[in-house]
Amino acid sequence: MKFIKKYYYVFLILVVIILLINIFIKNKDINIIKVSNENNNLHNYKINVNYPKTSYSKLNNLIKEKIDMYINTFKGDIKNEYVDKNQYYTLNINYNSFIYEQYISYVFYIEYSTGGAHPNHNIWTITYDTKLNQVITIDDLIKKDNNILNTLSNISRSELIKNKNIVNINMLMSGTKNIKENFSKFAFSNKGLIIFFDTYQVAPYSSGDFSITVPYNKIY
């Protein structure tokens, strides 16, 4: 019995060590910004931002520039707001990552509240070719296939119309029209090209944002 008990404790210690190592490794790959201003004479706001550290300095600089832009815009937006001591103004940014072949894609989810009826939501994506050390944009996809906007428009309409949260056909048709702006937010994944549609792009605010995954064999 003592023998079993001893090894049980050893097992628990090993599990704890593994968890701590995983947390340490994960945190090394994430930049975290937390700012809280609770001075009663100023606006009460909280900023909570997570963004990745990568092995590519050019990519890091581009991401940092965008993060700084969101933070500065948020602070500028609330600067001239009426000071309501009971109101918290918030900025939250989190992200997901995808890897496909030599491409790394990051999808950032930005939520900010600057005194309106509800928080605002935006999506920003960046895809990076690690071999060429350059960002891949919708223009690059069009250069590879000049018919890709038509293809993505048709596929997105046929897929999204099945979604019960699509409640306004006019918004759907406008938000999936074959123009660059409608398909500029994307990520390369192992399952295909993921297209992201912002809040208000294809449906009202209450329906949230949307995404579809297009298999590569349907576009190339």
C-alpha atoms as a PDB file:
ATOM      1  CA  MET A   1       0.000   0.000   0.000  1.00  0.00           C
ATOM      2  CA  LYS A   2       2.833   2.420   0.869  1.00  0.00           C
ATOM      3  CA  PHE A   3       4.497   1.504  -2.428  1.00  0.00           C
ATOM      4  CA  ILE A   4       1.355   2.445  -4.404  1.00  0.00           C
ATOM      5  CA  LYS A   5       0.909   5.630  -2.391  1.00  0.00           C
ATOM      6  CA  LYS A   6       4.493   6.681  -3.049  1.00  0.00           C
ATOM      7  CA  TYR A   7       4.174   6.285  -6.799  1.00  0.00           C
ATOM      8  CA  TYR A   8       0.807   8.028  -6.772  1.00  0.00           C
ATOM      9  CA  TYR A   9       2.451  11.143  -5.296  1.00  0.00           C
ATOM     10  CA  VAL A  10       5.336  10.889  -7.762  1.00  0.00           C
ATOM     11  CA  PHE A  11       2.804  10.747 -10.607  1.00  0.00           C
ATOM     12  CA  LEU A  12       0.986  13.835  -9.317  1.00  0.00           C
ATOM     13  CA  ILE A  13       4.256  15.776  -9.056  1.00  0.00           C
ATOM     14  CA  LEU A  14       5.149  14.849 -12.649  1.00  0.00           C
ATOM     15  CA  VAL A  15       1.735  15.998 -13.878  1.00  0.00           C
ATOM     16  CA  VAL A  16       2.149  19.356 -12.120  1.00  0.00           C
ATOM     17  CA  ILE A  17       5.654  19.805 -13.593  1.00  0.00           C
ATOM     18  CA  ILE A  18       4.387  19.060 -17.115  1.00  0.00           C
ATOM     19  CA  LEU A  19       1.538  21.555 -16.719  1.00  0.00           C
ATOM     20  CA  LEU A  20       3.921  24.254 -15.484  1.00  0.00           C
ATOM     21  CA  ILE A  21       6.285  23.624 -18.402  1.00  0.00           C
ATOM     22  CA  ASN A  22       3.407  23.898 -20.884  1.00  0.00           C
ATOM     23  CA  ILE A  23       2.235  27.158 -19.326  1.00  0.00           C
ATOM     24  CA  PHE A  24       5.783  28.539 -19.430  1.00  0.00           C
ATOM     25  CA  ILE A  25       6.262  27.582 -23.081  1.00  0.00           C
ATOM     26  CA  LYS A  26       2.885  29.017 -24.042  1.00  0.00           C
ATOM     27  CA  ASN A  27       3.539  32.303 -22.264  1.00  0.00           C
ATOM     28  CA  LYS A  28       6.890  32.676 -24.025  1.00  0.00           C
ATOM     29  CA  ASP A  29       4.978  32.807 -27.323  1.00  0.00           C
ATOM     30  CA  ILE A  30       2.462  35.432 -26.211  1.00  0.00           C
ATOM     31  CA  ASN A  31       2.739  39.152 -25.576  1.00  0.00           C
ATOM     32  CA  ILE A  32       0.288  40.369 -22.952  1.00  0.00           C
ATOM     33  CA  ILE A  33      -0.793  43.948 -22.353  1.00  0.00           C
ATOM     34  CA  LYS A  34      -3.002  44.726 -19.368  1.00  0.00           C
ATOM     35  CA  VAL A  35      -3.853  48.317 -18.487  1.00  0.00           C
ATOM     36  CA  SER A  36      -6.413  49.452 -15.943  1.00  0.00           C
ATOM     37  CA  ASN A  37      -7.236  53.098 -15.243  1.00  0.00           C
ATOM     38  CA  GLU A  38      -9.590  53.565 -12.318  1.00  0.00           C
ATOM     39  CA  ASN A  39      -8.880  57.201 -11.469  1.00  0.00           C
ATOM     40  CA  ASN A  40     -12.236  58.752 -10.544  1.00  0.00           C
ATOM     41  CA  ASN A  41     -11.328  61.997 -12.275  1.00  0.00           C
ATOM     42  CA  LEU A  42     -10.767  60.305 -15.624  1.00  0.00           C
ATOM     43  CA  HIS A  43     -12.425  57.651 -17.738  1.00  0.00           C
ATOM     44  CA  ASN A  44     -12.475  54.195 -16.249  1.00  0.00           C
ATOM     45  CA  TYR A  45     -11.072  51.791 -18.807  1.00  0.00           C
ATOM     46  CA  LYS A  46      -9.492  48.389 -19.072  1.00  0.00           C
ATOM     47  CA  ILE A  47      -7.261  47.113 -21.857  1.00  0.00           C
ATOM     48  CA  ASN A  48      -6.566  43.403 -22.153  1.00  0.00           C
ATOM     49  CA  VAL A  49      -4.541  42.434 -25.234  1.00  0.00           C
ATOM     50  CA  ASN A  50      -2.899  39.154 -26.224  1.00  0.00           C
ATOM     51  CA  TYR A  51      -0.816  38.881 -29.364  1.00  0.00           C
ATOM     52  CA  PRO A  52       1.848  36.424 -30.576  1.00  0.00           C
ATOM     53  CA  LYS A  53       5.623  36.424 -30.491  1.00  0.00           C
ATOM     54  CA  THR A  54       6.986  34.802 -33.629  1.00  0.00           C
ATOM     55  CA  SER A  55      10.397  33.907 -34.993  1.00  0.00           C
ATOM     56  CA  TYR A  56      10.018  36.508 -37.755  1.00  0.00           C
ATOM     57  CA  SER A  57      10.922  40.100 -36.885  1.00  0.00           C
ATOM     58  CA  LYS A  58       9.086  41.569 -39.881  1.00  0.00           C
ATOM     59  CA  LEU A  59       5.889  39.782 -38.891  1.00  0.00           C
ATOM     60  CA  ASN A  60       6.317  40.818 -35.250  1.00  0.00           C
ATOM     61  CA  ASN A  61       6.701  44.462 -36.260  1.00  0.00           C
ATOM     62  CA  LEU A  62       3.600  44.389 -38.457  1.00  0.00           C
ATOM     63  CA  ILE A  63       1.510  42.833 -35.707  1.00  0.00           C
ATOM     64  CA  LYS A  64       2.831  45.266 -33.086  1.00  0.00           C
ATOM     65  CA  GLU A  65       2.029  48.240 -35.340  1.00  0.00           C
ATOM     66  CA  LYS A  66      -1.547  47.036 -35.720  1.00  0.00           C
ATOM     67  CA  ILE A  67      -1.949  46.360 -31.982  1.00  0.00           C
ATOM     68  CA  ASP A  68      -0.616  49.840 -31.172  1.00  0.00           C
ATOM     69  CA  MET A  69      -3.062  51.306 -33.682  1.00  0.00           C
ATOM     70  CA  TYR A  70      -6.021  49.597 -31.992  1.00  0.00           C
ATOM     71  CA  ILE A  71      -4.901  50.744 -28.530  1.00  0.00           C
ATOM     72  CA  ASN A  72      -4.276  54.343 -29.619  1.00  0.00           C
ATOM     73  CA  THR A  73      -7.570  54.504 -31.505  1.00  0.00           C
ATOM     74  CA  PHE A  74      -9.426  53.175 -28.455  1.00  0.00           C
ATOM     75  CA  LYS A  75      -7.841  55.755 -26.163  1.00  0.00           C
ATOM     76  CA  GLY A  76      -8.577  58.502 -28.661  1.00  0.00           C
ATOM     77  CA  ASP A  77     -12.222  57.447 -28.990  1.00  0.00           C
ATOM     78  CA  ILE A  78     -12.890  57.600 -25.247  1.00  0.00           C
ATOM     79  CA  LYS A  79     -10.896  60.765 -24.655  1.00  0.00           C
ATOM     80  CA  ASN A  80     -13.753  63.029 -25.704  1.00  0.00           C
ATOM     81  CA  GLU A  81     -16.529  60.864 -24.238  1.00  0.00           C
ATOM     82  CA  TYR A  82     -18.665  62.234 -21.428  1.00  0.00           C
ATOM     83  CA  VAL A  83     -17.121  61.034 -18.166  1.00  0.00           C
ATOM     84  CA  ASP A  84     -19.476  58.544 -16.566  1.00  0.00           C
ATOM     85  CA  LYS A  85     -17.889  57.268 -13.375  1.00  0.00           C
ATOM     86  CA  ASN A  86     -20.060  54.149 -13.516  1.00  0.00           C
ATOM     87  CA  GLN A  87     -19.064  53.314 -17.081  1.00  0.00           C
ATOM     88  CA  TYR A  88     -16.136  51.067 -17.955  1.00  0.00           C
ATOM     89  CA  TYR A  89     -14.622  51.413 -21.383  1.00  0.00           C
ATOM     90  CA  THR A  90     -12.929  48.219 -22.509  1.00  0.00           C
ATOM     91  CA  LEU A  91     -10.636  46.918 -25.229  1.00  0.00           C
ATOM     92  CA  ASN A  92     -10.052  43.168 -25.520  1.00  0.00           C
ATOM     93  CA  ILE A  93      -7.938  41.527 -28.208  1.00  0.00           C
ATOM     94  CA  ASN A  94      -7.330  37.781 -28.541  1.00  0.00           C
ATOM     95  CA  TYR A  95      -6.201  35.628 -31.427  1.00  0.00           C
ATOM     96  CA  ASN A  96      -6.123  32.194 -33.044  1.00  0.00           C
ATOM     97  CA  SER A  97      -3.305  30.822 -35.187  1.00  0.00           C
ATOM     98  CA  PHE A  98      -3.157  28.449 -38.152  1.00  0.00           C
ATOM     99  CA  ILE A  99      -0.236  26.806 -39.916  1.00  0.00           C
ATOM    100  CA  TYR A 100      -0.341  25.397 -43.439  1.00  0.00           C
ATOM    101  CA  GLU A 101       2.837  24.445 -45.303  1.00  0.00           C
ATOM    102  CA  GLN A 102       5.099  27.548 -45.139  1.00  0.00           C
ATOM    103  CA  TYR A 103       2.255  29.871 -44.165  1.00  0.00           C
ATOM    104  CA  ILE A 104       1.366  31.181 -40.716  1.00  0.00           C
ATOM    105  CA  SER A 105      -2.000  32.859 -40.278  1.00  0.00           C
ATOM    106  CA  TYR A 106      -3.191  34.833 -37.276  1.00  0.00           C
ATOM    107  CA  VAL A 107      -6.799  35.832 -36.713  1.00  0.00           C
ATOM    108  CA  PHE A 108      -7.357  38.639 -34.213  1.00  0.00           C
ATOM    109  CA  TYR A 109     -10.688  39.220 -32.512  1.00  0.00           C
ATOM    110  CA  ILE A 110     -11.088  42.811 -31.344  1.00  0.00           C
ATOM    111  CA  GLU A 111     -13.867  43.783 -28.948  1.00  0.00           C
ATOM    112  CA  TYR A 112     -14.144  47.365 -27.734  1.00  0.00           C
ATOM    113  CA  SER A 113     -16.703  49.316 -25.771  1.00  0.00           C
ATOM    114  CA  THR A 114     -16.543  53.111 -26.039  1.00  0.00           C
ATOM    115  CA  GLY A 115     -19.881  54.094 -24.541  1.00  0.00           C
ATOM    116  CA  GLY A 116     -22.324  52.775 -27.143  1.00  0.00           C
ATOM    117  CA  ALA A 117     -25.315  50.516 -26.634  1.00  0.00           C
ATOM    118  CA  HIS A 118     -23.154  47.417 -26.984  1.00  0.00           C
ATOM    119  CA  PRO A 119     -19.508  46.453 -27.586  1.00  0.00           C
ATOM    120  CA  ASN A 120     -18.150  46.636 -31.120  1.00  0.00           C
ATOM    121  CA  HIS A 121     -16.410  43.700 -32.761  1.00  0.00           C
ATOM    122  CA  ASN A 122     -13.840  43.502 -35.536  1.00  0.00           C
ATOM    123  CA  ILE A 123     -11.686  40.812 -37.070  1.00  0.00           C
ATOM    124  CA  TRP A 124      -8.197  41.377 -38.411  1.00  0.00           C
ATOM    125  CA  THR A 125      -6.135  38.693 -40.108  1.00  0.00           C
ATOM    126  CA  ILE A 126      -2.564  38.423 -41.284  1.00  0.00           C
ATOM    127  CA  THR A 127      -1.022  35.587 -43.284  1.00  0.00           C
ATOM    128  CA  TYR A 128       2.741  35.329 -43.596  1.00  0.00           C
ATOM    129  CA  ASP A 129       4.863  33.332 -46.040  1.00  0.00           C
ATOM    130  CA  THR A 130       7.826  32.201 -43.938  1.00  0.00           C
ATOM    131  CA  LYS A 131       9.892  31.235 -46.992  1.00  0.00           C
ATOM    132  CA  LEU A 132       9.511  34.545 -48.810  1.00  0.00           C
ATOM    133  CA  ASN A 133       9.264  36.593 -45.587  1.00  0.00           C
ATOM    134  CA  GLN A 134       6.269  38.535 -46.790  1.00  0.00           C
ATOM    135  CA  VAL A 135       2.599  39.042 -46.041  1.00  0.00           C
ATOM    136  CA  ILE A 136       0.073  37.332 -48.303  1.00  0.00           C
ATOM    137  CA  THR A 137      -2.924  39.508 -49.160  1.00  0.00           C
ATOM    138  CA  ILE A 138      -6.090  39.093 -51.184  1.00  0.00           C
ATOM    139  CA  ASP A 139      -4.223  40.736 -54.088  1.00  0.00           C
ATOM    140  CA  ASP A 140      -1.761  37.824 -54.061  1.00  0.00           C
ATOM    141  CA  LEU A 141      -4.621  35.328 -54.219  1.00  0.00           C
ATOM    142  CA  ILE A 142      -6.124  37.209 -57.165  1.00  0.00           C
ATOM    143  CA  LYS A 143      -2.772  37.187 -58.992  1.00  0.00           C
ATOM    144  CA  LYS A 144      -2.702  33.417 -58.630  1.00  0.00           C
ATOM    145  CA  ASP A 145      -6.303  33.033 -59.810  1.00  0.00           C
ATOM    146  CA  ASN A 146      -8.054  36.036 -61.348  1.00  0.00           C
ATOM    147  CA  ASN A 147     -11.411  34.282 -60.947  1.00  0.00           C
ATOM    148  CA  ILE A 148     -11.057  33.644 -57.216  1.00  0.00           C
ATOM    149  CA  LEU A 149     -13.405  36.452 -56.139  1.00  0.00           C
ATOM    150  CA  ASN A 150     -16.219  34.987 -58.218  1.00  0.00           C
ATOM    151  CA  THR A 151     -15.502  31.544 -56.809  1.00  0.00           C
ATOM    152  CA  LEU A 152     -15.429  32.733 -53.202  1.00  0.00           C
ATOM    153  CA  SER A 153     -18.573  34.784 -53.731  1.00  0.00           C
ATOM    154  CA  ASN A 154     -20.522  31.792 -55.065  1.00  0.00           C
ATOM    155  CA  ILE A 155     -19.243  29.385 -52.428  1.00  0.00           C
ATOM    156  CA  SER A 156     -19.809  31.742 -49.514  1.00  0.00           C
ATOM    157  CA  ARG A 157     -23.378  32.465 -50.582  1.00  0.00           C
ATOM    158  CA  SER A 158     -24.238  28.802 -50.995  1.00  0.00           C
ATOM    159  CA  GLU A 159     -22.700  27.968 -47.597  1.00  0.00           C
ATOM    160  CA  LEU A 160     -23.939  30.909 -45.533  1.00  0.00           C
ATOM    161  CA  ILE A 161     -27.533  30.712 -46.788  1.00  0.00           C
ATOM    162  CA  LYS A 162     -27.770  27.416 -44.872  1.00  0.00           C
ATOM    163  CA  ASN A 163     -26.918  29.146 -41.607  1.00  0.00           C
ATOM    164  CA  LYS A 164     -30.011  29.886 -39.499  1.00  0.00           C
ATOM    165  CA  ASN A 165     -28.370  33.096 -38.211  1.00  0.00           C
ATOM    166  CA  ILE A 166     -28.447  34.594 -41.686  1.00  0.00           C
ATOM    167  CA  VAL A 167     -31.654  36.592 -41.429  1.00  0.00           C
ATOM    168  CA  ASN A 168     -31.197  39.310 -44.035  1.00  0.00           C
ATOM    169  CA  ILE A 169     -30.652  38.210 -47.622  1.00  0.00           C
ATOM    170  CA  ASN A 170     -29.737  41.712 -48.771  1.00  0.00           C
ATOM    171  CA  MET A 171     -26.925  41.887 -46.219  1.00  0.00           C
ATOM    172  CA  LEU A 172     -25.731  38.452 -47.255  1.00  0.00           C
ATOM    173  CA  MET A 173     -25.675  39.349 -50.949  1.00  0.00           C
ATOM    174  CA  SER A 174     -23.891  42.646 -50.307  1.00  0.00           C
ATOM    175  CA  GLY A 175     -21.349  41.150 -47.881  1.00  0.00           C
ATOM    176  CA  THR A 176     -20.447  38.348 -50.305  1.00  0.00           C
ATOM    177  CA  LYS A 177     -20.295  40.409 -53.485  1.00  0.00           C
ATOM    178  CA  ASN A 178     -17.229  39.575 -55.584  1.00  0.00           C
ATOM    179  CA  ILE A 179     -15.085  42.493 -54.423  1.00  0.00           C
ATOM    180  CA  LYS A 180     -11.742  42.382 -52.604  1.00  0.00           C
ATOM    181  CA  GLU A 181     -12.979  44.033 -49.427  1.00  0.00           C
ATOM    182  CA  ASN A 182     -15.416  41.186 -48.752  1.00  0.00           C
ATOM    183  CA  PHE A 183     -12.729  38.495 -48.835  1.00  0.00           C
ATOM    184  CA  SER A 184      -9.669  40.277 -47.480  1.00  0.00           C
ATOM    185  CA  LYS A 185      -9.823  38.539 -44.086  1.00  0.00           C
ATOM    186  CA  PHE A 186      -8.608  34.976 -44.445  1.00  0.00           C
ATOM    187  CA  ALA A 187      -6.346  32.287 -43.045  1.00  0.00           C
ATOM    188  CA  PHE A 188      -4.623  29.260 -44.531  1.00  0.00           C
ATOM    189  CA  SER A 189      -5.462  26.117 -42.552  1.00  0.00           C
ATOM    190  CA  ASN A 190      -4.940  22.408 -43.052  1.00  0.00           C
ATOM    191  CA  LYS A 191      -8.614  22.057 -43.983  1.00  0.00           C
ATOM    192  CA  GLY A 192      -8.692  24.869 -46.510  1.00  0.00           C
ATOM    193  CA  LEU A 193      -8.886  28.620 -46.931  1.00  0.00           C
ATOM    194  CA  ILE A 194     -10.903  30.141 -44.077  1.00  0.00           C
ATOM    195  CA  ILE A 195     -12.791  33.304 -44.965  1.00  0.00           C
ATOM    196  CA  PHE A 196     -13.946  35.558 -42.110  1.00  0.00           C
ATOM    197  CA  PHE A 197     -16.938  37.885 -42.280  1.00  0.00           C
ATOM    198  CA  ASP A 198     -17.116  40.730 -39.780  1.00  0.00           C
ATOM    199  CA  THR A 199     -20.099  41.601 -37.633  1.00  0.00           C
ATOM    200  CA  TYR A 200     -22.604  43.522 -39.803  1.00  0.00           C
ATOM    201  CA  GLN A 201     -21.028  42.231 -43.027  1.00  0.00           C
ATOM    202  CA  VAL A 202     -23.527  39.483 -43.854  1.00  0.00           C
ATOM    203  CA  ALA A 203     -25.988  39.713 -40.950  1.00  0.00           C
ATOM    204  CA  PRO A 204     -27.136  42.080 -38.170  1.00  0.00           C
ATOM    205  CA  TYR A 205     -25.115  42.605 -34.997  1.00  0.00           C
ATOM    206  CA  SER A 206     -27.191  40.083 -33.065  1.00  0.00           C
ATOM    207  CA  SER A 207     -26.060  37.308 -35.419  1.00  0.00           C
ATOM    208  CA  GLY A 208     -22.356  37.923 -34.774  1.00  0.00           C
ATOM    209  CA  ASP A 209     -19.535  37.204 -37.200  1.00  0.00           C
ATOM    210  CA  PHE A 210     -19.200  34.264 -39.568  1.00  0.00           C
ATOM    211  CA  SER A 211     -16.568  32.149 -41.275  1.00  0.00           C
ATOM    212  CA  ILE A 212     -16.478  29.475 -43.933  1.00  0.00           C
ATOM    213  CA  THR A 213     -13.745  27.030 -44.911  1.00  0.00           C
ATOM    214  CA  VAL A 214     -13.167  26.533 -48.630  1.00  0.00           C
ATOM    215  CA  PRO A 215     -11.218  23.390 -49.619  1.00  0.00           C
ATOM    216  CA  TYR A 216      -8.163  24.257 -51.693  1.00  0.00           C
ATOM    217  CA  ASN A 217      -9.266  22.002 -54.555  1.00  0.00           C
ATOM    218  CA  LYS A 218     -12.268  24.287 -55.090  1.00  0.00           C
ATOM    219  CA  ILE A 219     -10.170  27.375 -55.701  1.00  0.00           C
ATOM    220  CA  TYR A 220      -6.901  26.084 -57.213  1.00  0.00           C
END
